């Protein structure tokens, strides 16, 4: 990565194990696009109704030279699972972005014979 990874937490304190997992997932994103400029990961626990289960929301914001990939809230009651799901969504979206940049996306033309 060309710049520092930014991890923010709102409504909870992240322990060393969770921060290490986030760092590993962020490093693995470089396999899918080599020119990542910045990665911002936000973990939050929104306010909830009394008795409702805690849902962890994780979002990834990946900055690239010619665009940005944003994954908003992947919610799950297990924090590590929420991080993994957000990373998987970011990976898929980053792969799609890279395919579009390489012009590997199939273009359909309607109305032509």
PDB file of N, CA and C in Angstrom:
ATOM      1  N   UNK A   1       0.840  -1.172   0.000  1.00  0.00           N
ATOM      2  CA  UNK A   1       0.000   0.000   0.000  1.00  0.00           C
ATOM      3  C   UNK A   1       0.885   1.235   0.000  1.00  0.00           C
ATOM      4  N   UNK A   2       0.480   2.237  -0.711  1.00  0.00           N
ATOM      5  CA  UNK A   2       1.301   3.425  -0.844  1.00  0.00           C
ATOM      6  C   UNK A   2       1.168   4.367   0.346  1.00  0.00           C
ATOM      7  N   UNK A   3       0.153   4.211   1.174  1.00  0.00           N
ATOM      8  CA  UNK A   3       0.019   5.047   2.364  1.00  0.00           C
ATOM      9  C   UNK A   3      -0.467   4.197   3.526  1.00  0.00           C
ATOM     10  N   UNK A   4      -0.624   4.836   4.651  1.00  0.00           N
ATOM     11  CA  UNK A   4      -0.962   4.142   5.881  1.00  0.00           C
ATOM     12  C   UNK A   4      -2.425   3.686   5.915  1.00  0.00           C
ATOM     13  N   UNK A   5      -2.646   2.566   6.547  1.00  0.00           N
ATOM     14  CA  UNK A   5      -3.988   2.060   6.786  1.00  0.00           C
ATOM     15  C   UNK A   5      -4.602   2.837   7.945  1.00  0.00           C
ATOM     16  N   UNK A   6      -5.854   3.251   7.797  1.00  0.00           N
ATOM     17  CA  UNK A   6      -6.545   3.971   8.865  1.00  0.00           C
ATOM     18  C   UNK A   6      -7.672   3.098   9.393  1.00  0.00           C
ATOM     19  N   UNK A   7      -7.652   2.853  10.693  1.00  0.00           N
ATOM     20  CA  UNK A   7      -8.693   2.061  11.341  1.00  0.00           C
ATOM     21  C   UNK A   7      -9.363   2.949  12.373  1.00  0.00           C
ATOM     22  N   UNK A   8     -10.684   3.032  12.296  1.00  0.00           N
ATOM     23  CA  UNK A   8     -11.416   3.819  13.292  1.00  0.00           C
ATOM     24  C   UNK A   8     -12.502   2.960  13.907  1.00  0.00           C
ATOM     25  N   UNK A   9     -12.794   3.240  15.161  1.00  0.00           N
ATOM     26  CA  UNK A   9     -13.823   2.499  15.887  1.00  0.00           C
ATOM     27  C   UNK A   9     -14.736   3.493  16.577  1.00  0.00           C
ATOM     28  N   UNK A  10     -16.036   3.202  16.524  1.00  0.00           N
ATOM     29  CA  UNK A  10     -17.015   4.064  17.184  1.00  0.00           C
ATOM     30  C   UNK A  10     -17.948   3.190  17.998  1.00  0.00           C
ATOM     31  N   UNK A  11     -18.032   3.456  19.274  1.00  0.00           N
ATOM     32  CA  UNK A  11     -18.927   2.713  20.150  1.00  0.00           C
ATOM     33  C   UNK A  11     -18.301   1.463  20.747  1.00  0.00           C
ATOM     34  N   UNK A  12     -17.006   1.221  20.477  1.00  0.00           N
ATOM     35  CA  UNK A  12     -16.315   0.070  21.041  1.00  0.00           C
ATOM     36  C   UNK A  12     -14.813   0.311  20.995  1.00  0.00           C
ATOM     37  N   UNK A  13     -14.084  -0.478  21.760  1.00  0.00           N
ATOM     38  CA  UNK A  13     -12.625  -0.442  21.734  1.00  0.00           C
ATOM     39  C   UNK A  13     -12.138  -1.698  21.029  1.00  0.00           C
ATOM     40  N   UNK A  14     -11.251  -1.520  20.066  1.00  0.00           N
ATOM     41  CA  UNK A  14     -10.717  -2.657  19.321  1.00  0.00           C
ATOM     42  C   UNK A  14      -9.496  -3.206  20.044  1.00  0.00           C
ATOM     43  N   UNK A  15      -9.483  -4.515  20.247  1.00  0.00           N
ATOM     44  CA  UNK A  15      -8.307  -5.115  20.867  1.00  0.00           C
ATOM     45  C   UNK A  15      -7.254  -5.445  19.798  1.00  0.00           C
ATOM     46  N   UNK A  16      -6.104  -5.885  20.235  1.00  0.00           N
ATOM     47  CA  UNK A  16      -4.974  -6.156  19.342  1.00  0.00           C
ATOM     48  C   UNK A  16      -5.319  -7.227  18.302  1.00  0.00           C
ATOM     49  N   UNK A  17      -6.058  -8.244  18.700  1.00  0.00           N
ATOM     50  CA  UNK A  17      -6.416  -9.343  17.797  1.00  0.00           C
ATOM     51  C   UNK A  17      -7.275  -8.845  16.635  1.00  0.00           C
ATOM     52  N   UNK A  18      -8.222  -7.973  16.914  1.00  0.00           N
ATOM     53  CA  UNK A  18      -9.110  -7.438  15.879  1.00  0.00           C
ATOM     54  C   UNK A  18      -8.336  -6.504  14.945  1.00  0.00           C
ATOM     55  N   UNK A  19      -7.487  -5.649  15.499  1.00  0.00           N
ATOM     56  CA  UNK A  19      -6.696  -4.750  14.654  1.00  0.00           C
ATOM     57  C   UNK A  19      -5.744  -5.529  13.760  1.00  0.00           C
ATOM     58  N   UNK A  20      -5.167  -6.606  14.275  1.00  0.00           N
ATOM     59  CA  UNK A  20      -4.281  -7.450  13.467  1.00  0.00           C
ATOM     60  C   UNK A  20      -5.055  -8.090  12.327  1.00  0.00           C
ATOM     61  N   UNK A  21      -6.262  -8.567  12.601  1.00  0.00           N
ATOM     62  CA  UNK A  21      -7.096  -9.171  11.546  1.00  0.00           C
ATOM     63  C   UNK A  21      -7.417  -8.147  10.462  1.00  0.00           C
ATOM     64  N   UNK A  22      -7.759  -6.935  10.857  1.00  0.00           N
ATOM     65  CA  UNK A  22      -8.071  -5.880   9.885  1.00  0.00           C
ATOM     66  C   UNK A  22      -6.841  -5.570   9.029  1.00  0.00           C
ATOM     67  N   UNK A  23      -5.671  -5.477   9.662  1.00  0.00           N
ATOM     68  CA  UNK A  23      -4.439  -5.194   8.910  1.00  0.00           C
ATOM     69  C   UNK A  23      -4.136  -6.300   7.895  1.00  0.00           C
ATOM     70  N   UNK A  24      -4.326  -7.549   8.308  1.00  0.00           N
ATOM     71  CA  UNK A  24      -4.078  -8.669   7.385  1.00  0.00           C
ATOM     72  C   UNK A  24      -5.039  -8.629   6.201  1.00  0.00           C
ATOM     73  N   UNK A  25      -6.304  -8.380   6.465  1.00  0.00           N
ATOM     74  CA  UNK A  25      -7.286  -8.298   5.374  1.00  0.00           C
ATOM     75  C   UNK A  25      -6.956  -7.135   4.438  1.00  0.00           C
ATOM     76  N   UNK A  26      -6.548  -5.994   4.993  1.00  0.00           N
ATOM     77  CA  UNK A  26      -6.218  -4.839   4.154  1.00  0.00           C
ATOM     78  C   UNK A  26      -5.006  -5.134   3.275  1.00  0.00           C
ATOM     79  N   UNK A  27      -4.011  -5.827   3.813  1.00  0.00           N
ATOM     80  CA  UNK A  27      -2.834  -6.184   3.019  1.00  0.00           C
ATOM     81  C   UNK A  27      -3.192  -7.148   1.892  1.00  0.00           C
ATOM     82  N   UNK A  28      -4.122  -8.043   2.151  1.00  0.00           N
ATOM     83  CA  UNK A  28      -4.528  -9.019   1.136  1.00  0.00           C
ATOM     84  C   UNK A  28      -5.253  -8.374  -0.036  1.00  0.00           C
ATOM     85  N   UNK A  29      -5.788  -7.182   0.152  1.00  0.00           N
ATOM     86  CA  UNK A  29      -6.476  -6.495  -0.942  1.00  0.00           C
ATOM     87  C   UNK A  29      -5.528  -6.160  -2.085  1.00  0.00           C
ATOM     88  N   UNK A  30      -4.240  -6.013  -1.789  1.00  0.00           N
ATOM     89  CA  UNK A  30      -3.274  -5.679  -2.834  1.00  0.00           C
ATOM     90  C   UNK A  30      -3.126  -6.793  -3.868  1.00  0.00           C
ATOM     91  N   UNK A  31      -3.556  -7.990  -3.549  1.00  0.00           N
ATOM     92  CA  UNK A  31      -3.534  -9.079  -4.529  1.00  0.00           C
ATOM     93  C   UNK A  31      -4.477  -8.793  -5.692  1.00  0.00           C
ATOM     94  N   UNK A  32      -5.501  -7.999  -5.449  1.00  0.00           N
ATOM     95  CA  UNK A  32      -6.546  -7.777  -6.444  1.00  0.00           C
ATOM     96  C   UNK A  32      -6.392  -6.446  -7.179  1.00  0.00           C
ATOM     97  N   UNK A  33      -5.606  -5.527  -6.613  1.00  0.00           N
ATOM     98  CA  UNK A  33      -5.300  -4.268  -7.299  1.00  0.00           C
ATOM     99  C   UNK A  33      -4.010  -3.739  -6.697  1.00  0.00           C
ATOM    100  N   UNK A  34      -2.994  -3.579  -7.514  1.00  0.00           N
ATOM    101  CA  UNK A  34      -1.662  -3.245  -7.002  1.00  0.00           C
ATOM    102  C   UNK A  34      -1.463  -1.766  -6.698  1.00  0.00           C
ATOM    103  N   UNK A  35      -2.363  -0.906  -7.132  1.00  0.00           N
ATOM    104  CA  UNK A  35      -2.159   0.536  -6.978  1.00  0.00           C
ATOM    105  C   UNK A  35      -3.098   1.166  -5.957  1.00  0.00           C
ATOM    106  N   UNK A  36      -3.336   0.482  -4.873  1.00  0.00           N
ATOM    107  CA  UNK A  36      -4.189   1.027  -3.814  1.00  0.00           C
ATOM    108  C   UNK A  36      -3.442   2.165  -3.123  1.00  0.00           C
ATOM    109  N   UNK A  37      -4.089   3.312  -3.039  1.00  0.00           N
ATOM    110  CA  UNK A  37      -3.482   4.485  -2.427  1.00  0.00           C
ATOM    111  C   UNK A  37      -3.730   4.530  -0.926  1.00  0.00           C
ATOM    112  N   UNK A  38      -4.937   4.218  -0.502  1.00  0.00           N
ATOM    113  CA  UNK A  38      -5.280   4.260   0.922  1.00  0.00           C
ATOM    114  C   UNK A  38      -6.435   3.309   1.208  1.00  0.00           C
ATOM    115  N   UNK A  39      -6.457   2.819   2.435  1.00  0.00           N
ATOM    116  CA  UNK A  39      -7.575   1.993   2.898  1.00  0.00           C
ATOM    117  C   UNK A  39      -8.005   2.531   4.256  1.00  0.00           C
ATOM    118  N   UNK A  40      -9.290   2.802   4.365  1.00  0.00           N
ATOM    119  CA  UNK A  40      -9.867   3.225   5.638  1.00  0.00           C
ATOM    120  C   UNK A  40     -10.913   2.195   6.040  1.00  0.00           C
ATOM    121  N   UNK A  41     -10.798   1.711   7.268  1.00  0.00           N
ATOM    122  CA  UNK A  41     -11.746   0.728   7.783  1.00  0.00           C
ATOM    123  C   UNK A  41     -12.422   1.338   9.005  1.00  0.00           C
ATOM    124  N   UNK A  42     -13.739   1.293   9.002  1.00  0.00           N
ATOM    125  CA  UNK A  42     -14.504   1.825  10.140  1.00  0.00           C
ATOM    126  C   UNK A  42     -15.322   0.693  10.755  1.00  0.00           C
ATOM    127  N   UNK A  43     -15.205   0.555  12.058  1.00  0.00           N
ATOM    128  CA  UNK A  43     -15.971  -0.440  12.806  1.00  0.00           C
ATOM    129  C   UNK A  43     -16.820   0.321  13.805  1.00  0.00           C
ATOM    130  N   UNK A  44     -18.106   0.012  13.822  1.00  0.00           N
ATOM    131  CA  UNK A  44     -18.974   0.724  14.753  1.00  0.00           C
ATOM    132  C   UNK A  44     -20.067  -0.174  15.289  1.00  0.00           C
ATOM    133  N   UNK A  45     -20.544   0.213  16.455  1.00  0.00           N
ATOM    134  CA  UNK A  45     -21.705  -0.422  17.062  1.00  0.00           C
ATOM    135  C   UNK A  45     -22.746   0.674  17.215  1.00  0.00           C
ATOM    136  N   UNK A  46     -23.760   0.672  16.347  1.00  0.00           N
ATOM    137  CA  UNK A  46     -24.773   1.729  16.448  1.00  0.00           C
ATOM    138  C   UNK A  46     -25.630   1.556  17.699  1.00  0.00           C
ATOM    139  N   UNK A  47     -26.288   2.633  18.070  1.00  0.00           N
ATOM    140  CA  UNK A  47     -27.200   2.535  19.213  1.00  0.00           C
ATOM    141  C   UNK A  47     -28.300   1.538  18.883  1.00  0.00           C
ATOM    142  N   UNK A  48     -28.769   0.847  19.904  1.00  0.00           N
ATOM    143  CA  UNK A  48     -29.757  -0.197  19.673  1.00  0.00           C
ATOM    144  C   UNK A  48     -30.873  -0.108  20.700  1.00  0.00           C
ATOM    145  N   UNK A  49     -31.953  -0.785  20.382  1.00  0.00           N
ATOM    146  CA  UNK A  49     -33.078  -0.858  21.301  1.00  0.00           C
ATOM    147  C   UNK A  49     -32.718  -1.768  22.482  1.00  0.00           C
ATOM    148  N   UNK A  50     -33.341  -1.558  23.590  1.00  0.00           N
ATOM    149  CA  UNK A  50     -33.095  -2.384  24.765  1.00  0.00           C
ATOM    150  C   UNK A  50     -33.410  -3.846  24.453  1.00  0.00           C
ATOM    151  N   UNK A  51     -32.483  -4.722  24.704  1.00  0.00           N
ATOM    152  CA  UNK A  51     -32.701  -6.146  24.476  1.00  0.00           C
ATOM    153  C   UNK A  51     -32.340  -6.620  23.082  1.00  0.00           C
ATOM    154  N   UNK A  52     -32.084  -5.709  22.161  1.00  0.00           N
ATOM    155  CA  UNK A  52     -31.709  -6.103  20.802  1.00  0.00           C
ATOM    156  C   UNK A  52     -30.245  -6.556  20.804  1.00  0.00           C
ATOM    157  N   UNK A  53     -29.895  -7.512  19.965  1.00  0.00           N
ATOM    158  CA  UNK A  53     -28.506  -7.982  19.952  1.00  0.00           C
ATOM    159  C   UNK A  53     -27.557  -6.923  19.391  1.00  0.00           C
ATOM    160  N   UNK A  54     -26.318  -6.996  19.805  1.00  0.00           N
ATOM    161  CA  UNK A  54     -25.305  -6.082  19.287  1.00  0.00           C
ATOM    162  C   UNK A  54     -24.969  -6.495  17.865  1.00  0.00           C
ATOM    163  N   UNK A  55     -24.994  -5.539  16.948  1.00  0.00           N
ATOM    164  CA  UNK A  55     -24.615  -5.788  15.556  1.00  0.00           C
ATOM    165  C   UNK A  55     -23.419  -4.897  15.254  1.00  0.00           C
ATOM    166  N   UNK A  56     -22.354  -5.515  14.793  1.00  0.00           N
ATOM    167  CA  UNK A  56     -21.155  -4.770  14.427  1.00  0.00           C
ATOM    168  C   UNK A  56     -21.248  -4.379  12.963  1.00  0.00           C
ATOM    169  N   UNK A  57     -21.020  -3.129  12.663  1.00  0.00           N
ATOM    170  CA  UNK A  57     -21.038  -2.622  11.289  1.00  0.00           C
ATOM    171  C   UNK A  57     -19.601  -2.328  10.878  1.00  0.00           C
ATOM    172  N   UNK A  58     -19.196  -2.875   9.746  1.00  0.00           N
ATOM    173  CA  UNK A  58     -17.840  -2.674   9.242  1.00  0.00           C
ATOM    174  C   UNK A  58     -17.929  -2.120   7.828  1.00  0.00           C
ATOM    175  N   UNK A  59     -17.146  -1.086   7.551  1.00  0.00           N
ATOM    176  CA  UNK A  59     -17.115  -0.541   6.197  1.00  0.00           C
ATOM    177  C   UNK A  59     -15.666  -0.345   5.755  1.00  0.00           C
ATOM    178  N   UNK A  60     -15.444  -0.532   4.465  1.00  0.00           N
ATOM    179  CA  UNK A  60     -14.134  -0.346   3.850  1.00  0.00           C
ATOM    180  C   UNK A  60     -14.235   0.795   2.852  1.00  0.00           C
ATOM    181  N   UNK A  61     -13.246   1.661   2.833  1.00  0.00           N
ATOM    182  CA  UNK A  61     -13.145   2.729   1.849  1.00  0.00           C
ATOM    183  C   UNK A  61     -11.759   2.593   1.227  1.00  0.00           C
ATOM    184  N   UNK A  62     -11.696   2.179  -0.039  1.00  0.00           N
ATOM    185  CA  UNK A  62     -10.435   1.917  -0.717  1.00  0.00           C
ATOM    186  C   UNK A  62     -10.237   2.989  -1.782  1.00  0.00           C
ATOM    187  N   UNK A  63      -9.151   3.738  -1.663  1.00  0.00           N
ATOM    188  CA  UNK A  63      -8.864   4.826  -2.598  1.00  0.00           C
ATOM    189  C   UNK A  63      -7.852   4.319  -3.621  1.00  0.00           C
ATOM    190  N   UNK A  64      -8.191   4.531  -4.901  1.00  0.00           N
ATOM    191  CA  UNK A  64      -7.356   4.116  -6.027  1.00  0.00           C
ATOM    192  C   UNK A  64      -7.007   5.339  -6.857  1.00  0.00           C
ATOM    193  N   UNK A  65      -5.996   5.263  -7.742  1.00  0.00           N
ATOM    194  CA  UNK A  65      -5.635   6.434  -8.546  1.00  0.00           C
ATOM    195  C   UNK A  65      -6.787   6.990  -9.392  1.00  0.00           C
ATOM    196  N   UNK A  66      -7.647   6.129  -9.934  1.00  0.00           N
ATOM    197  CA  UNK A  66      -8.711   6.604 -10.820  1.00  0.00           C
ATOM    198  C   UNK A  66     -10.098   6.298 -10.277  1.00  0.00           C
ATOM    199  N   UNK A  67     -10.233   6.255  -8.986  1.00  0.00           N
ATOM    200  CA  UNK A  67     -11.551   5.996  -8.431  1.00  0.00           C
ATOM    201  C   UNK A  67     -11.485   5.589  -6.976  1.00  0.00           C
ATOM    202  N   UNK A  68     -12.609   5.129  -6.498  1.00  0.00           N
ATOM    203  CA  UNK A  68     -12.742   4.759  -5.104  1.00  0.00           C
ATOM    204  C   UNK A  68     -13.733   3.607  -4.999  1.00  0.00           C
ATOM    205  N   UNK A  69     -13.439   2.658  -4.131  1.00  0.00           N
ATOM    206  CA  UNK A  69     -14.338   1.536  -3.880  1.00  0.00           C
ATOM    207  C   UNK A  69     -14.806   1.672  -2.434  1.00  0.00           C
ATOM    208  N   UNK A  70     -16.108   1.743  -2.256  1.00  0.00           N
ATOM    209  CA  UNK A  70     -16.670   1.929  -0.920  1.00  0.00           C
ATOM    210  C   UNK A  70     -17.607   0.779  -0.609  1.00  0.00           C
ATOM    211  N   UNK A  71     -17.356   0.130   0.509  1.00  0.00           N
ATOM    212  CA  UNK A  71     -18.228  -0.926   1.019  1.00  0.00           C
ATOM    213  C   UNK A  71     -18.845  -0.384   2.295  1.00  0.00           C
ATOM    214  N   UNK A  72     -20.121  -0.237   2.268  1.00  0.00           N
ATOM    215  CA  UNK A  72     -20.814   0.279   3.456  1.00  0.00           C
ATOM    216  C   UNK A  72     -21.300  -0.877   4.299  1.00  0.00           C
ATOM    217  N   UNK A  73     -21.461  -0.658   5.516  1.00  0.00           N
ATOM    218  CA  UNK A  73     -21.943  -1.552   6.551  1.00  0.00           C
ATOM    219  C   UNK A  73     -22.219  -3.007   6.175  1.00  0.00           C
ATOM    220  N   UNK A  74     -21.375  -3.862   6.650  1.00  0.00           N
ATOM    221  CA  UNK A  74     -21.634  -5.291   6.618  1.00  0.00           C
ATOM    222  C   UNK A  74     -21.898  -5.659   8.074  1.00  0.00           C
ATOM    223  N   UNK A  75     -23.145  -5.884   8.427  1.00  0.00           N
ATOM    224  CA  UNK A  75     -23.524  -6.082   9.822  1.00  0.00           C
ATOM    225  C   UNK A  75     -23.568  -7.562  10.178  1.00  0.00           C
ATOM    226  N   UNK A  76     -23.100  -7.869  11.384  1.00  0.00           N
ATOM    227  CA  UNK A  76     -23.148  -9.238  11.893  1.00  0.00           C
ATOM    228  C   UNK A  76     -22.954  -9.175  13.404  1.00  0.00           C
ATOM    229  N   UNK A  77     -23.544 -10.122  14.155  1.00  0.00           N
ATOM    230  CA  UNK A  77     -23.372 -10.100  15.610  1.00  0.00           C
ATOM    231  C   UNK A  77     -21.965 -10.498  16.065  1.00  0.00           C
ATOM    232  N   UNK A  78     -21.183 -11.171  15.211  1.00  0.00           N
ATOM    233  CA  UNK A  78     -19.807 -11.536  15.543  1.00  0.00           C
ATOM    234  C   UNK A  78     -18.877 -10.547  14.826  1.00  0.00           C
ATOM    235  N   UNK A  79     -17.999  -9.885  15.566  1.00  0.00           N
ATOM    236  CA  UNK A  79     -17.154  -8.836  14.989  1.00  0.00           C
ATOM    237  C   UNK A  79     -16.225  -9.372  13.906  1.00  0.00           C
ATOM    238  N   UNK A  80     -15.558 -10.490  14.151  1.00  0.00           N
ATOM    239  CA  UNK A  80     -14.632 -11.021  13.150  1.00  0.00           C
ATOM    240  C   UNK A  80     -15.354 -11.472  11.880  1.00  0.00           C
ATOM    241  N   UNK A  81     -16.555 -11.995  12.029  1.00  0.00           N
ATOM    242  CA  UNK A  81     -17.339 -12.377  10.855  1.00  0.00           C
ATOM    243  C   UNK A  81     -17.769 -11.141  10.067  1.00  0.00           C
ATOM    244  N   UNK A  82     -18.124 -10.067  10.765  1.00  0.00           N
ATOM    245  CA  UNK A  82     -18.492  -8.816  10.084  1.00  0.00           C
ATOM    246  C   UNK A  82     -17.303  -8.264   9.306  1.00  0.00           C
ATOM    247  N   UNK A  83     -16.111  -8.348   9.884  1.00  0.00           N
ATOM    248  CA  UNK A  83     -14.906  -7.887   9.188  1.00  0.00           C
ATOM    249  C   UNK A  83     -14.653  -8.750   7.960  1.00  0.00           C
ATOM    250  N   UNK A  84     -14.778 -10.062   8.112  1.00  0.00           N
ATOM    251  CA  UNK A  84     -14.545 -10.966   6.985  1.00  0.00           C
ATOM    252  C   UNK A  84     -15.548 -10.726   5.860  1.00  0.00           C
ATOM    253  N   UNK A  85     -16.807 -10.551   6.190  1.00  0.00           N
ATOM    254  CA  UNK A  85     -17.827 -10.294   5.155  1.00  0.00           C
ATOM    255  C   UNK A  85     -17.581  -8.970   4.442  1.00  0.00           C
ATOM    256  N   UNK A  86     -17.176  -7.951   5.196  1.00  0.00           N
ATOM    257  CA  UNK A  86     -16.887  -6.662   4.573  1.00  0.00           C
ATOM    258  C   UNK A  86     -15.687  -6.795   3.640  1.00  0.00           C
ATOM    259  N   UNK A  87     -14.659  -7.554   4.060  1.00  0.00           N
ATOM    260  CA  UNK A  87     -13.495  -7.759   3.210  1.00  0.00           C
ATOM    261  C   UNK A  87     -13.867  -8.508   1.931  1.00  0.00           C
ATOM    262  N   UNK A  88     -14.714  -9.534   2.063  1.00  0.00           N
ATOM    263  CA  UNK A  88     -15.135 -10.286   0.875  1.00  0.00           C
ATOM    264  C   UNK A  88     -15.890  -9.395  -0.103  1.00  0.00           C
ATOM    265  N   UNK A  89     -16.748  -8.543   0.406  1.00  0.00           N
ATOM    266  CA  UNK A  89     -17.468  -7.606  -0.467  1.00  0.00           C
ATOM    267  C   UNK A  89     -16.494  -6.622  -1.108  1.00  0.00           C
ATOM    268  N   UNK A  90     -15.506  -6.146  -0.349  1.00  0.00           N
ATOM    269  CA  UNK A  90     -14.505  -5.230  -0.893  1.00  0.00           C
ATOM    270  C   UNK A  90     -13.664  -5.920  -1.964  1.00  0.00           C
ATOM    271  N   UNK A  91     -13.311  -7.170  -1.731  1.00  0.00           N
ATOM    272  CA  UNK A  91     -12.525  -7.926  -2.704  1.00  0.00           C
ATOM    273  C   UNK A  91     -13.273  -8.074  -4.016  1.00  0.00           C
ATOM    274  N   UNK A  92     -14.553  -8.449  -3.938  1.00  0.00           N
ATOM    275  CA  UNK A  92     -15.356  -8.612  -5.161  1.00  0.00           C
ATOM    276  C   UNK A  92     -15.482  -7.284  -5.904  1.00  0.00           C
ATOM    277  N   UNK A  93     -15.767  -6.219  -5.189  1.00  0.00           N
ATOM    278  CA  UNK A  93     -15.933  -4.923  -5.824  1.00  0.00           C
ATOM    279  C   UNK A  93     -14.614  -4.417  -6.414  1.00  0.00           C
ATOM    280  N   UNK A  94     -13.499  -4.705  -5.738  1.00  0.00           N
ATOM    281  CA  UNK A  94     -12.187  -4.310  -6.242  1.00  0.00           C
ATOM    282  C   UNK A  94     -11.822  -5.094  -7.506  1.00  0.00           C
ATOM    283  N   UNK A  95     -12.164  -6.376  -7.532  1.00  0.00           N
ATOM    284  CA  UNK A  95     -11.937  -7.177  -8.735  1.00  0.00           C
ATOM    285  C   UNK A  95     -12.753  -6.639  -9.905  1.00  0.00           C
ATOM    286  N   UNK A  96     -13.997  -6.292  -9.663  1.00  0.00           N
ATOM    287  CA  UNK A  96     -14.833  -5.717 -10.720  1.00  0.00           C
ATOM    288  C   UNK A  96     -14.252  -4.394 -11.223  1.00  0.00           C
ATOM    289  N   UNK A  97     -13.780  -3.571 -10.298  1.00  0.00           N
ATOM    290  CA  UNK A  97     -13.180  -2.289 -10.667  1.00  0.00           C
ATOM    291  C   UNK A  97     -11.955  -2.517 -11.553  1.00  0.00           C
ATOM    292  N   UNK A  98     -11.108  -3.475 -11.176  1.00  0.00           N
ATOM    293  CA  UNK A  98      -9.901  -3.770 -11.957  1.00  0.00           C
ATOM    294  C   UNK A  98     -10.264  -4.304 -13.342  1.00  0.00           C
ATOM    295  N   UNK A  99     -11.291  -5.133 -13.428  1.00  0.00           N
ATOM    296  CA  UNK A  99     -11.727  -5.651 -14.733  1.00  0.00           C
ATOM    297  C   UNK A  99     -12.202  -4.521 -15.639  1.00  0.00           C
ATOM    298  N   UNK A 100     -12.956  -3.580 -15.084  1.00  0.00           N
ATOM    299  CA  UNK A 100     -13.424  -2.447 -15.881  1.00  0.00           C
ATOM    300  C   UNK A 100     -12.250  -1.596 -16.365  1.00  0.00           C
ATOM    301  N   UNK A 101     -11.247  -1.419 -15.522  1.00  0.00           N
ATOM    302  CA  UNK A 101     -10.083  -0.636 -15.933  1.00  0.00           C
ATOM    303  C   UNK A 101      -9.299  -1.327 -17.046  1.00  0.00           C
ATOM    304  N   UNK A 102      -9.259  -2.658 -17.024  1.00  0.00           N
ATOM    305  CA  UNK A 102      -8.544  -3.410 -18.061  1.00  0.00           C
ATOM    306  C   UNK A 102      -9.420  -3.652 -19.288  1.00  0.00           C
ATOM    307  N   UNK A 103     -10.643  -3.157 -19.275  1.00  0.00           N
ATOM    308  CA  UNK A 103     -11.603  -3.314 -20.373  1.00  0.00           C
ATOM    309  C   UNK A 103     -11.926  -4.783 -20.639  1.00  0.00           C
ATOM    310  N   UNK A 104     -12.018  -5.568 -19.578  1.00  0.00           N
ATOM    311  CA  UNK A 104     -12.359  -6.978 -19.706  1.00  0.00           C
ATOM    312  C   UNK A 104     -13.845  -7.235 -19.501  1.00  0.00           C
ATOM    313  N   UNK A 105     -14.603  -6.196 -19.330  1.00  0.00           N
ATOM    314  CA  UNK A 105     -16.038  -6.328 -19.109  1.00  0.00           C
ATOM    315  C   UNK A 105     -16.719  -6.411 -20.460  1.00  0.00           C
ATOM    316  N   UNK A 106     -17.608  -7.359 -20.577  1.00  0.00           N
ATOM    317  CA  UNK A 106     -18.323  -7.555 -21.825  1.00  0.00           C
ATOM    318  C   UNK A 106     -19.298  -6.392 -22.059  1.00  0.00           C
ATOM    319  N   UNK A 107     -19.227  -5.812 -23.222  1.00  0.00           N
ATOM    320  CA  UNK A 107     -20.106  -4.697 -23.582  1.00  0.00           C
ATOM    321  C   UNK A 107     -21.190  -5.222 -24.490  1.00  0.00           C
ATOM    322  N   UNK A 108     -22.413  -4.970 -24.123  1.00  0.00           N
ATOM    323  CA  UNK A 108     -23.522  -5.409 -24.961  1.00  0.00           C
ATOM    324  C   UNK A 108     -24.070  -4.195 -25.698  1.00  0.00           C
ATOM    325  N   UNK A 109     -24.462  -4.418 -26.929  1.00  0.00           N
ATOM    326  CA  UNK A 109     -25.072  -3.336 -27.707  1.00  0.00           C
ATOM    327  C   UNK A 109     -26.473  -3.774 -28.080  1.00  0.00           C
ATOM    328  N   UNK A 110     -27.414  -2.984 -27.691  1.00  0.00           N
ATOM    329  CA  UNK A 110     -28.805  -3.289 -27.959  1.00  0.00           C
ATOM    330  C   UNK A 110     -29.256  -2.640 -29.272  1.00  0.00           C
ATOM    331  N   UNK A 111     -30.104  -3.314 -29.971  1.00  0.00           N
ATOM    332  CA  UNK A 111     -30.698  -2.743 -31.172  1.00  0.00           C
ATOM    333  C   UNK A 111     -29.872  -2.911 -32.426  1.00  0.00           C
ATOM    334  N   UNK A 112     -28.747  -3.593 -32.325  1.00  0.00           N
ATOM    335  CA  UNK A 112     -27.942  -3.816 -33.526  1.00  0.00           C
ATOM    336  C   UNK A 112     -28.219  -5.204 -34.085  1.00  0.00           C
ATOM    337  N   UNK A 113     -28.230  -5.326 -35.385  1.00  0.00           N
ATOM    338  CA  UNK A 113     -28.519  -6.616 -36.017  1.00  0.00           C
ATOM    339  C   UNK A 113     -27.254  -7.297 -36.418  1.00  0.00           C
TER     340      UNK A 113
END
